[in-house]
PDB file of all heavy atoms in Angstrom:
ATOM      1  N   GLU A   1     129.927 -93.529  16.950  1.00  0.00           N
ATOM      2  CA  GLU A   1     129.665 -93.648  15.470  1.00  0.00           C
ATOM      3  C   GLU A   1     128.196 -93.415  15.067  1.00  0.00           C
ATOM      4  O   GLU A   1     127.951 -92.842  14.081  1.00  0.00           O
ATOM      5  CB  GLU A   1     129.968 -95.177  15.090  1.00  0.00           C
ATOM      6  CG  GLU A   1     129.991 -95.387  13.629  1.00  0.00           C
ATOM      7  CD  GLU A   1     130.468 -96.855  13.196  1.00  0.00           C
ATOM      8  OE1 GLU A   1     130.915 -97.501  14.167  1.00  0.00           O
ATOM      9  OE2 GLU A   1     130.334 -97.161  12.021  1.00  0.00           O
ATOM     10  N   ARG A   2     127.348 -93.590  16.021  1.00  0.00           N
ATOM     11  CA  ARG A   2     125.958 -93.459  15.583  1.00  0.00           C
ATOM     12  C   ARG A   2     125.548 -92.061  15.553  1.00  0.00           C
ATOM     13  O   ARG A   2     124.532 -91.520  14.994  1.00  0.00           O
ATOM     14  CB  ARG A   2     125.057 -94.182  16.680  1.00  0.00           C
ATOM     15  CG  ARG A   2     125.149 -93.568  18.028  1.00  0.00           C
ATOM     16  CD  ARG A   2     124.173 -94.462  18.966  1.00  0.00           C
ATOM     17  NE  ARG A   2     124.309 -93.875  20.402  1.00  0.00           N
ATOM     18  CZ  ARG A   2     125.204 -94.116  21.265  1.00  0.00           C
ATOM     19  NH1 ARG A   2     126.139 -94.875  20.913  1.00  0.00           N
ATOM     20  NH2 ARG A   2     125.033 -93.619  22.503  1.00  0.00           N
ATOM     21  N   TYR A   3     126.407 -91.147  16.000  1.00  0.00           N
ATOM     22  CA  TYR A   3     126.164 -89.645  15.966  1.00  0.00           C
ATOM     23  C   TYR A   3     127.008 -89.095  15.004  1.00  0.00           C
ATOM     24  O   TYR A   3     126.722 -87.893  14.504  1.00  0.00           O
ATOM     25  CB  TYR A   3     126.570 -88.998  17.298  1.00  0.00           C
ATOM     26  CG  TYR A   3     125.904 -89.373  18.631  1.00  0.00           C
ATOM     27  CD1 TYR A   3     126.451 -89.215  19.809  1.00  0.00           C
ATOM     28  CD2 TYR A   3     124.561 -89.824  18.508  1.00  0.00           C
ATOM     29  CE1 TYR A   3     125.714 -89.486  21.038  1.00  0.00           C
ATOM     30  CE2 TYR A   3     123.886 -90.215  19.666  1.00  0.00           C
ATOM     31  CZ  TYR A   3     124.451 -90.059  20.883  1.00  0.00           C
ATOM     32  OH  TYR A   3     123.754 -90.373  22.073  1.00  0.00           O
ATOM     33  N   GLN A   4     127.946 -89.675  14.353  1.00  0.00           N
ATOM     34  CA  GLN A   4     128.806 -89.039  13.444  1.00  0.00           C
ATOM     35  C   GLN A   4     128.229 -88.370  12.135  1.00  0.00           C
ATOM     36  O   GLN A   4     128.401 -87.430  11.815  1.00  0.00           O
ATOM     37  CB  GLN A   4     130.029 -89.927  13.183  1.00  0.00           C
ATOM     38  CG  GLN A   4     130.976 -90.115  14.325  1.00  0.00           C
ATOM     39  CD  GLN A   4     132.240 -90.822  14.072  1.00  0.00           C
ATOM     40  OE1 GLN A   4     132.620 -90.884  12.799  1.00  0.00           O
ATOM     41  NE2 GLN A   4     133.005 -91.322  15.196  1.00  0.00           N
ATOM     42  N   ALA A   5     127.436 -89.177  11.592  1.00  0.00           N
ATOM     43  CA  ALA A   5     126.753 -88.897  10.343  1.00  0.00           C
ATOM     44  C   ALA A   5     126.062 -87.544  10.538  1.00  0.00           C
ATOM     45  O   ALA A   5     126.142 -86.640   9.708  1.00  0.00           O
ATOM     46  CB  ALA A   5     125.930 -90.050   9.760  1.00  0.00           C
ATOM     47  N   THR A   6     125.207 -87.513  11.509  1.00  0.00           N
ATOM     48  CA  THR A   6     124.461 -86.209  11.681  1.00  0.00           C
ATOM     49  C   THR A   6     125.382 -85.108  11.991  1.00  0.00           C
ATOM     50  O   THR A   6     125.107 -83.924  11.562  1.00  0.00           O
ATOM     51  CB  THR A   6     123.398 -86.454  12.896  1.00  0.00           C
ATOM     52  OG1 THR A   6     122.553 -87.518  12.588  1.00  0.00           O
ATOM     53  CG2 THR A   6     122.624 -85.215  13.124  1.00  0.00           C
ATOM     54  N   ALA A   7     126.412 -85.316  12.929  1.00  0.00           N
ATOM     55  CA  ALA A   7     127.345 -84.281  13.291  1.00  0.00           C
ATOM     56  C   ALA A   7     128.065 -83.718  12.047  1.00  0.00           C
ATOM     57  O   ALA A   7     128.124 -82.513  11.864  1.00  0.00           O
ATOM     58  CB  ALA A   7     128.259 -84.879  14.256  1.00  0.00           C
ATOM     59  N   LYS A   8     128.492 -84.636  11.186  1.00  0.00           N
ATOM     60  CA  LYS A   8     129.208 -84.158   9.926  1.00  0.00           C
ATOM     61  C   LYS A   8     128.371 -83.299   9.083  1.00  0.00           C
ATOM     62  O   LYS A   8     128.638 -82.396   8.340  1.00  0.00           O
ATOM     63  CB  LYS A   8     129.728 -85.277   9.267  1.00  0.00           C
ATOM     64  CG  LYS A   8     130.910 -86.056   9.904  1.00  0.00           C
ATOM     65  CD  LYS A   8     131.404 -87.131   9.219  1.00  0.00           C
ATOM     66  CE  LYS A   8     132.643 -87.842   9.963  1.00  0.00           C
ATOM     67  NZ  LYS A   8     133.058 -89.076   9.261  1.00  0.00           N
ATOM     68  N   LYS A   9     127.005 -83.605   9.023  1.00  0.00           N
ATOM     69  CA  LYS A   9     125.933 -82.979   8.366  1.00  0.00           C
ATOM     70  C   LYS A   9     125.903 -81.431   8.772  1.00  0.00           C
ATOM     71  O   LYS A   9     125.538 -80.465   8.075  1.00  0.00           O
ATOM     72  CB  LYS A   9     124.612 -83.507   8.415  1.00  0.00           C
ATOM     73  CG  LYS A   9     123.459 -83.035   7.625  1.00  0.00           C
ATOM     74  CD  LYS A   9     122.249 -83.869   7.572  1.00  0.00           C
ATOM     75  CE  LYS A   9     121.657 -84.003   8.962  1.00  0.00           C
ATOM     76  NZ  LYS A   9     120.464 -84.817   8.972  1.00  0.00           N
ATOM     77  N   TYR A  10     126.128 -81.200  10.137  1.00  0.00           N
ATOM     78  CA  TYR A  10     125.992 -80.002  10.763  1.00  0.00           C
ATOM     79  C   TYR A  10     127.355 -79.079  10.623  1.00  0.00           C
ATOM     80  O   TYR A  10     127.267 -77.867  11.008  1.00  0.00           O
ATOM     81  CB  TYR A  10     125.647 -80.139  12.303  1.00  0.00           C
ATOM     82  CG  TYR A  10     124.298 -80.579  12.560  1.00  0.00           C
ATOM     83  CD1 TYR A  10     124.030 -81.267  13.872  1.00  0.00           C
ATOM     84  CD2 TYR A  10     123.262 -80.529  11.678  1.00  0.00           C
ATOM     85  CE1 TYR A  10     122.797 -81.787  14.054  1.00  0.00           C
ATOM     86  CE2 TYR A  10     121.927 -80.995  11.950  1.00  0.00           C
ATOM     87  CZ  TYR A  10     121.893 -81.675  13.250  1.00  0.00           C
ATOM     88  OH  TYR A  10     120.524 -82.197  13.487  1.00  0.00           O
ATOM     89  N   THR A  11     128.355 -79.744  10.253  1.00  0.00           N
ATOM     90  CA  THR A  11     129.639 -78.869  10.485  1.00  0.00           C
ATOM     91  C   THR A  11     129.665 -77.719   9.600  1.00  0.00           C
ATOM     92  O   THR A  11     130.380 -76.720   9.972  1.00  0.00           O
ATOM     93  CB  THR A  11     130.746 -79.957  10.026  1.00  0.00           C
ATOM     94  OG1 THR A  11     130.693 -80.567   8.759  1.00  0.00           O
ATOM     95  CG2 THR A  11     131.122 -80.908  11.142  1.00  0.00           C
ATOM     96  N   PRO A  12     129.158 -77.723   8.259  1.00  0.00           N
ATOM     97  CA  PRO A  12     129.257 -76.441   7.520  1.00  0.00           C
ATOM     98  C   PRO A  12     128.642 -75.275   8.276  1.00  0.00           C
ATOM     99  O   PRO A  12     128.980 -74.170   8.271  1.00  0.00           O
ATOM    100  CB  PRO A  12     128.434 -76.762   6.255  1.00  0.00           C
ATOM    101  CG  PRO A  12     128.588 -78.243   6.041  1.00  0.00           C
ATOM    102  CD  PRO A  12     128.614 -78.706   7.491  1.00  0.00           C
ATOM    103  N   PHE A  13     127.384 -75.513   8.998  1.00  0.00           N
ATOM    104  CA  PHE A  13     126.790 -74.491   9.744  1.00  0.00           C
ATOM    105  C   PHE A  13     127.750 -73.979  10.925  1.00  0.00           C
ATOM    106  O   PHE A  13     127.883 -72.872  11.074  1.00  0.00           O
ATOM    107  CB  PHE A  13     125.394 -74.976  10.381  1.00  0.00           C
ATOM    108  CG  PHE A  13     124.851 -74.075  11.454  1.00  0.00           C
ATOM    109  CD1 PHE A  13     124.170 -73.003  11.127  1.00  0.00           C
ATOM    110  CD2 PHE A  13     125.117 -74.266  12.816  1.00  0.00           C
ATOM    111  CE1 PHE A  13     123.629 -72.004  11.858  1.00  0.00           C
ATOM    112  CE2 PHE A  13     124.533 -73.382  13.721  1.00  0.00           C
ATOM    113  CZ  PHE A  13     123.812 -72.347  13.293  1.00  0.00           C
ATOM    114  N   PHE A  14     128.247 -74.944  11.631  1.00  0.00           N
ATOM    115  CA  PHE A  14     129.024 -74.625  12.910  1.00  0.00           C
ATOM    116  C   PHE A  14     130.413 -74.018  12.412  1.00  0.00           C
ATOM    117  O   PHE A  14     131.019 -73.243  13.244  1.00  0.00           O
ATOM    118  CB  PHE A  14     129.220 -75.775  13.797  1.00  0.00           C
ATOM    119  CG  PHE A  14     128.035 -76.100  14.669  1.00  0.00           C
ATOM    120  CD1 PHE A  14     127.241 -77.091  14.298  1.00  0.00           C
ATOM    121  CD2 PHE A  14     127.891 -75.279  15.787  1.00  0.00           C
ATOM    122  CE1 PHE A  14     126.095 -77.290  15.115  1.00  0.00           C
ATOM    123  CE2 PHE A  14     126.727 -75.479  16.588  1.00  0.00           C
ATOM    124  CZ  PHE A  14     125.834 -76.501  16.255  1.00  0.00           C
ATOM    125  N   GLU A  15     130.948 -74.385  11.297  1.00  0.00           N
ATOM    126  CA  GLU A  15     132.120 -73.641  10.787  1.00  0.00           C
ATOM    127  C   GLU A  15     131.952 -72.072  10.674  1.00  0.00           C
ATOM    128  O   GLU A  15     132.778 -71.321  11.076  1.00  0.00           O
ATOM    129  CB  GLU A  15     132.526 -74.194   9.429  1.00  0.00           C
ATOM    130  CG  GLU A  15     133.235 -75.558   9.500  1.00  0.00           C
ATOM    131  CD  GLU A  15     134.543 -75.560  10.096  1.00  0.00           C
ATOM    132  OE1 GLU A  15     135.168 -74.447  10.256  1.00  0.00           O
ATOM    133  OE2 GLU A  15     135.040 -76.748  10.358  1.00  0.00           O
ATOM    134  N   ILE A  16     130.707 -71.743  10.359  1.00  0.00           N
ATOM    135  CA  ILE A  16     130.304 -70.256  10.313  1.00  0.00           C
ATOM    136  C   ILE A  16     129.997 -69.732  11.561  1.00  0.00           C
ATOM    137  O   ILE A  16     130.412 -68.661  12.142  1.00  0.00           O
ATOM    138  CB  ILE A  16     129.271 -70.030   9.234  1.00  0.00           C
ATOM    139  CG1 ILE A  16     129.726 -70.543   7.879  1.00  0.00           C
ATOM    140  CG2 ILE A  16     129.028 -68.619   9.112  1.00  0.00           C
ATOM    141  CD1 ILE A  16     131.061 -70.021   7.347  1.00  0.00           C
ATOM    142  N   PHE A  17     129.118 -70.577  12.220  1.00  0.00           N
ATOM    143  CA  PHE A  17     128.510 -70.068  13.548  1.00  0.00           C
ATOM    144  C   PHE A  17     129.497 -69.770  14.635  1.00  0.00           C
ATOM    145  O   PHE A  17     129.400 -68.937  15.429  1.00  0.00           O
ATOM    146  CB  PHE A  17     127.464 -71.056  14.047  1.00  0.00           C
ATOM    147  CG  PHE A  17     126.773 -70.798  15.213  1.00  0.00           C
ATOM    148  CD1 PHE A  17     125.684 -69.716  15.288  1.00  0.00           C
ATOM    149  CD2 PHE A  17     127.048 -71.338  16.385  1.00  0.00           C
ATOM    150  CE1 PHE A  17     125.133 -69.399  16.425  1.00  0.00           C
ATOM    151  CE2 PHE A  17     126.474 -70.952  17.708  1.00  0.00           C
ATOM    152  CZ  PHE A  17     125.448 -69.995  17.698  1.00  0.00           C
ATOM    153  N   LYS A  18     130.608 -70.642  14.760  1.00  0.00           N
ATOM    154  CA  LYS A  18     131.621 -70.377  15.695  1.00  0.00           C
ATOM    155  C   LYS A  18     132.149 -69.053  15.785  1.00  0.00           C
ATOM    156  O   LYS A  18     132.598 -68.582  16.860  1.00  0.00           O
ATOM    157  CB  LYS A  18     132.697 -71.463  15.592  1.00  0.00           C
ATOM    158  CG  LYS A  18     133.501 -71.375  14.451  1.00  0.00           C
ATOM    159  CD  LYS A  18     134.590 -72.494  14.327  1.00  0.00           C
ATOM    160  CE  LYS A  18     135.511 -72.301  13.192  1.00  0.00           C
ATOM    161  NZ  LYS A  18     136.437 -73.354  12.999  1.00  0.00           N
ATOM    162  N   ASN A  19     132.171 -68.475  14.551  1.00  0.00           N
ATOM    163  CA  ASN A  19     132.681 -66.990  14.463  1.00  0.00           C
ATOM    164  C   ASN A  19     131.690 -65.787  14.625  1.00  0.00           C
ATOM    165  O   ASN A  19     131.920 -64.688  14.756  1.00  0.00           O
ATOM    166  CB  ASN A  19     133.449 -66.942  13.229  1.00  0.00           C
ATOM    167  CG  ASN A  19     134.643 -67.844  13.199  1.00  0.00           C
ATOM    168  OD1 ASN A  19     135.440 -67.924  14.120  1.00  0.00           O
ATOM    169  ND2 ASN A  19     134.807 -68.468  12.061  1.00  0.00           N
ATOM    170  N   VAL A  20     130.350 -66.351  14.649  1.00  0.00           N
ATOM    171  CA  VAL A  20     129.202 -65.390  14.643  1.00  0.00           C
ATOM    172  C   VAL A  20     128.516 -65.463  16.033  1.00  0.00           C
ATOM    173  O   VAL A  20     127.938 -64.536  16.476  1.00  0.00           O
ATOM    174  CB  VAL A  20     128.250 -65.729  13.586  1.00  0.00           C
ATOM    175  CG1 VAL A  20     127.065 -64.636  13.594  1.00  0.00           C
ATOM    176  CG2 VAL A  20     129.005 -65.664  12.208  1.00  0.00           C
ATOM    177  N   ARG A  21     128.739 -66.567  16.738  1.00  0.00           N
ATOM    178  CA  ARG A  21     127.880 -66.911  17.945  1.00  0.00           C
ATOM    179  C   ARG A  21     127.953 -65.774  19.008  1.00  0.00           C
ATOM    180  O   ARG A  21     128.700 -64.866  18.988  1.00  0.00           O
ATOM    181  CB  ARG A  21     128.606 -68.024  18.628  1.00  0.00           C
ATOM    182  CG  ARG A  21     130.089 -67.943  18.941  1.00  0.00           C
ATOM    183  CD  ARG A  21     130.432 -68.784  20.087  1.00  0.00           C
ATOM    184  NE  ARG A  21     129.930 -68.317  21.372  1.00  0.00           N
ATOM    185  CZ  ARG A  21     129.822 -69.100  22.415  1.00  0.00           C
ATOM    186  NH1 ARG A  21     130.418 -70.327  22.435  1.00  0.00           N
ATOM    187  NH2 ARG A  21     129.350 -68.634  23.427  1.00  0.00           N
ATOM    188  N   GLY A  22     126.776 -65.761  19.790  1.00  0.00           N
ATOM    189  CA  GLY A  22     126.657 -64.787  20.828  1.00  0.00           C
ATOM    190  C   GLY A  22     127.462 -65.000  22.023  1.00  0.00           C
ATOM    191  O   GLY A  22     128.307 -65.958  22.041  1.00  0.00           O
ATOM    192  N   LYS A  23     127.355 -64.128  23.060  1.00  0.00           N
ATOM    193  CA  LYS A  23     128.012 -64.282  24.276  1.00  0.00           C
ATOM    194  C   LYS A  23     127.677 -65.561  24.959  1.00  0.00           C
ATOM    195  O   LYS A  23     128.587 -66.162  25.623  1.00  0.00           O
ATOM    196  CB  LYS A  23     127.929 -62.915  25.134  1.00  0.00           C
ATOM    197  CG  LYS A  23     128.613 -61.776  24.516  1.00  0.00           C
ATOM    198  CD  LYS A  23     128.271 -60.612  25.487  1.00  0.00           C
ATOM    199  CE  LYS A  23     128.928 -59.403  24.808  1.00  0.00           C
ATOM    200  NZ  LYS A  23     128.739 -58.086  25.793  1.00  0.00           N
ATOM    201  N   ILE A  24     126.405 -65.877  24.913  1.00  0.00           N
ATOM    202  CA  ILE A  24     125.934 -67.166  25.516  1.00  0.00           C
ATOM    203  C   ILE A  24     125.212 -67.898  24.450  1.00  0.00           C
ATOM    204  O   ILE A  24     124.286 -67.340  23.730  1.00  0.00           O
ATOM    205  CB  ILE A  24     125.086 -66.899  26.790  1.00  0.00           C
ATOM    206  CG1 ILE A  24     126.003 -66.329  28.031  1.00  0.00           C
ATOM    207  CG2 ILE A  24     124.497 -68.288  27.103  1.00  0.00           C
ATOM    208  CD1 ILE A  24     126.960 -67.282  28.616  1.00  0.00           C
ATOM    209  N   VAL A  25     125.524 -69.192  24.343  1.00  0.00           N
ATOM    210  CA  VAL A  25     124.756 -69.981  23.342  1.00  0.00           C
ATOM    211  C   VAL A  25     124.150 -71.184  24.198  1.00  0.00           C
ATOM    212  O   VAL A  25     125.013 -71.881  24.901  1.00  0.00           O
ATOM    213  CB  VAL A  25     125.614 -70.495  22.171  1.00  0.00           C
ATOM    214  CG1 VAL A  25     124.765 -71.425  21.196  1.00  0.00           C
ATOM    215  CG2 VAL A  25     126.223 -69.313  21.405  1.00  0.00           C
ATOM    216  N   THR A  26     122.973 -71.497  24.043  1.00  0.00           N
ATOM    217  CA  THR A  26     122.438 -72.589  24.800  1.00  0.00           C
ATOM    218  C   THR A  26     121.872 -73.667  23.762  1.00  0.00           C
ATOM    219  O   THR A  26     121.697 -73.367  22.509  1.00  0.00           O
ATOM    220  CB  THR A  26     121.139 -72.126  25.621  1.00  0.00           C
ATOM    221  OG1 THR A  26     120.041 -71.670  24.708  1.00  0.00           O
ATOM    222  CG2 THR A  26     121.535 -71.027  26.606  1.00  0.00           C
ATOM    223  N   GLY A  27     121.711 -74.912  24.244  1.00  0.00           N
ATOM    224  CA  GLY A  27     121.334 -75.943  23.437  1.00  0.00           C
ATOM    225  C   GLY A  27     120.549 -76.926  24.239  1.00  0.00           C
ATOM    226  O   GLY A  27     120.294 -76.902  25.347  1.00  0.00           O
ATOM    227  N   ASP A  28     120.054 -77.993  23.425  1.00  0.00           N
ATOM    228  CA  ASP A  28     119.288 -79.191  24.024  1.00  0.00           C
ATOM    229  C   ASP A  28     120.245 -80.404  24.113  1.00  0.00           C
ATOM    230  O   ASP A  28     121.342 -80.471  23.450  1.00  0.00           O
ATOM    231  CB  ASP A  28     118.189 -79.533  23.003  1.00  0.00           C
ATOM    232  CG  ASP A  28     117.270 -78.518  22.833  1.00  0.00           C
ATOM    233  OD1 ASP A  28     117.199 -77.611  23.477  1.00  0.00           O
ATOM    234  OD2 ASP A  28     116.397 -78.718  21.922  1.00  0.00           O
ATOM    235  N   THR A  29     120.001 -81.356  24.868  1.00  0.00           N
ATOM    236  CA  THR A  29     120.741 -82.425  24.907  1.00  0.00           C
ATOM    237  C   THR A  29     120.532 -83.288  23.647  1.00  0.00           C
ATOM    238  O   THR A  29     119.537 -84.151  23.521  1.00  0.00           O
ATOM    239  CB  THR A  29     120.408 -83.392  26.198  1.00  0.00           C
ATOM    240  OG1 THR A  29     120.759 -82.644  27.333  1.00  0.00           O
ATOM    241  CG2 THR A  29     121.294 -84.717  26.214  1.00  0.00           C
ATOM    242  N   SER A  30     121.375 -82.966  22.651  1.00  0.00           N
ATOM    243  CA  SER A  30     121.034 -83.692  21.287  1.00  0.00           C
ATOM    244  C   SER A  30     122.384 -83.651  20.582  1.00  0.00           C
ATOM    245  O   SER A  30     123.462 -83.125  21.064  1.00  0.00           O
ATOM    246  CB  SER A  30     119.978 -82.853  20.479  1.00  0.00           C
ATOM    247  OG  SER A  30     120.373 -81.534  20.373  1.00  0.00           O
ATOM    248  N   ILE A  31     122.374 -84.142  19.402  1.00  0.00           N
ATOM    249  CA  ILE A  31     123.637 -84.334  18.615  1.00  0.00           C
ATOM    250  C   ILE A  31     124.273 -82.889  18.400  1.00  0.00           C
ATOM    251  O   ILE A  31     125.469 -82.706  18.453  1.00  0.00           O
ATOM    252  CB  ILE A  31     123.427 -85.074  17.380  1.00  0.00           C
ATOM    253  CG1 ILE A  31     122.938 -86.472  17.675  1.00  0.00           C
ATOM    254  CG2 ILE A  31     124.643 -85.067  16.423  1.00  0.00           C
ATOM    255  CD1 ILE A  31     122.532 -87.298  16.389  1.00  0.00           C
ATOM    256  N   SER A  32     123.444 -81.918  17.946  1.00  0.00           N
ATOM    257  CA  SER A  32     123.876 -80.609  17.759  1.00  0.00           C
ATOM    258  C   SER A  32     124.742 -79.939  18.879  1.00  0.00           C
ATOM    259  O   SER A  32     125.607 -79.234  18.562  1.00  0.00           O
ATOM    260  CB  SER A  32     122.778 -79.620  17.346  1.00  0.00           C
ATOM    261  OG  SER A  32     121.786 -79.424  18.388  1.00  0.00           O
ATOM    262  N   SER A  33     124.369 -80.338  20.131  1.00  0.00           N
ATOM    263  CA  SER A  33     124.989 -79.759  21.243  1.00  0.00           C
ATOM    264  C   SER A  33     126.461 -80.428  21.473  1.00  0.00           C
ATOM    265  O   SER A  33     127.127 -79.892  22.397  1.00  0.00           O
ATOM    266  CB  SER A  33     124.244 -79.837  22.514  1.00  0.00           C
ATOM    267  OG  SER A  33     123.130 -79.124  22.500  1.00  0.00           O
ATOM    268  N   SER A  34     126.841 -81.470  20.577  1.00  0.00           N
ATOM    269  CA  SER A  34     128.073 -81.872  20.700  1.00  0.00           C
ATOM    270  C   SER A  34     129.028 -80.883  20.282  1.00  0.00           C
ATOM    271  O   SER A  34     130.311 -80.984  20.609  1.00  0.00           O
ATOM    272  CB  SER A  34     128.256 -83.196  19.867  1.00  0.00           C
ATOM    273  OG  SER A  34     127.406 -84.152  20.247  1.00  0.00           O
ATOM    274  N   PHE A  35     128.639 -79.873  19.594  1.00  0.00           N
ATOM    275  CA  PHE A  35     129.580 -78.816  19.092  1.00  0.00           C
ATOM    276  C   PHE A  35     129.902 -77.854  20.273  1.00  0.00           C
ATOM    277  O   PHE A  35     130.420 -76.892  19.889  1.00  0.00           O
ATOM    278  CB  PHE A  35     128.863 -78.111  17.871  1.00  0.00           C
ATOM    279  CG  PHE A  35     128.933 -78.882  16.617  1.00  0.00           C
ATOM    280  CD1 PHE A  35     127.932 -79.918  16.425  1.00  0.00           C
ATOM    281  CD2 PHE A  35     129.946 -78.801  15.828  1.00  0.00           C
ATOM    282  CE1 PHE A  35     128.061 -80.626  15.268  1.00  0.00           C
ATOM    283  CE2 PHE A  35     129.917 -79.543  14.564  1.00  0.00           C
ATOM    284  CZ  PHE A  35     128.881 -80.500  14.361  1.00  0.00           C
ATOM    285  N   CYS A  36     129.463 -78.137  21.375  1.00  0.00           N
ATOM    286  CA  CYS A  36     130.038 -77.483  22.535  1.00  0.00           C
ATOM    287  C   CYS A  36     131.611 -77.798  22.810  1.00  0.00           C
ATOM    288  O   CYS A  36     132.338 -77.079  23.439  1.00  0.00           O
ATOM    289  CB  CYS A  36     129.428 -77.859  23.979  1.00  0.00           C
ATOM    290  SG  CYS A  36     129.638 -79.459  24.448  1.00  0.00           S
ATOM    291  N   MET A  37     132.009 -78.853  22.190  1.00  0.00           N
ATOM    292  CA  MET A  37     133.337 -79.529  22.232  1.00  0.00           C
ATOM    293  C   MET A  37     134.196 -78.875  21.235  1.00  0.00           C
ATOM    294  O   MET A  37     133.834 -78.221  20.210  1.00  0.00           O
ATOM    295  CB  MET A  37     133.360 -81.086  22.236  1.00  0.00           C
ATOM    296  CG  MET A  37     132.367 -81.651  23.167  1.00  0.00           C
ATOM    297  SD  MET A  37     132.152 -83.505  22.904  1.00  0.00           S
ATOM    298  CE  MET A  37     130.729 -83.880  23.525  1.00  0.00           C
ATOM    299  N   PRO A  38     135.543 -79.100  21.477  1.00  0.00           N
ATOM    300  CA  PRO A  38     136.515 -78.705  20.412  1.00  0.00           C
ATOM    301  C   PRO A  38     136.339 -79.418  19.130  1.00  0.00           C
ATOM    302  O   PRO A  38     135.819 -80.538  19.165  1.00  0.00           O
ATOM    303  CB  PRO A  38     137.899 -78.962  21.061  1.00  0.00           C
ATOM    304  CG  PRO A  38     137.644 -79.242  22.368  1.00  0.00           C
ATOM    305  CD  PRO A  38     136.221 -79.660  22.633  1.00  0.00           C
TER     306      PRO A  38
END
């Protein structure tokens, strides 16, 4: 629950990014990297 508000804030970006993303995408151990998941 403590991550959900921030993750929901990022969803508009990732809705677009998932179709533009490169062959390899790297991240940090942070809330944004939760978008490695389905």
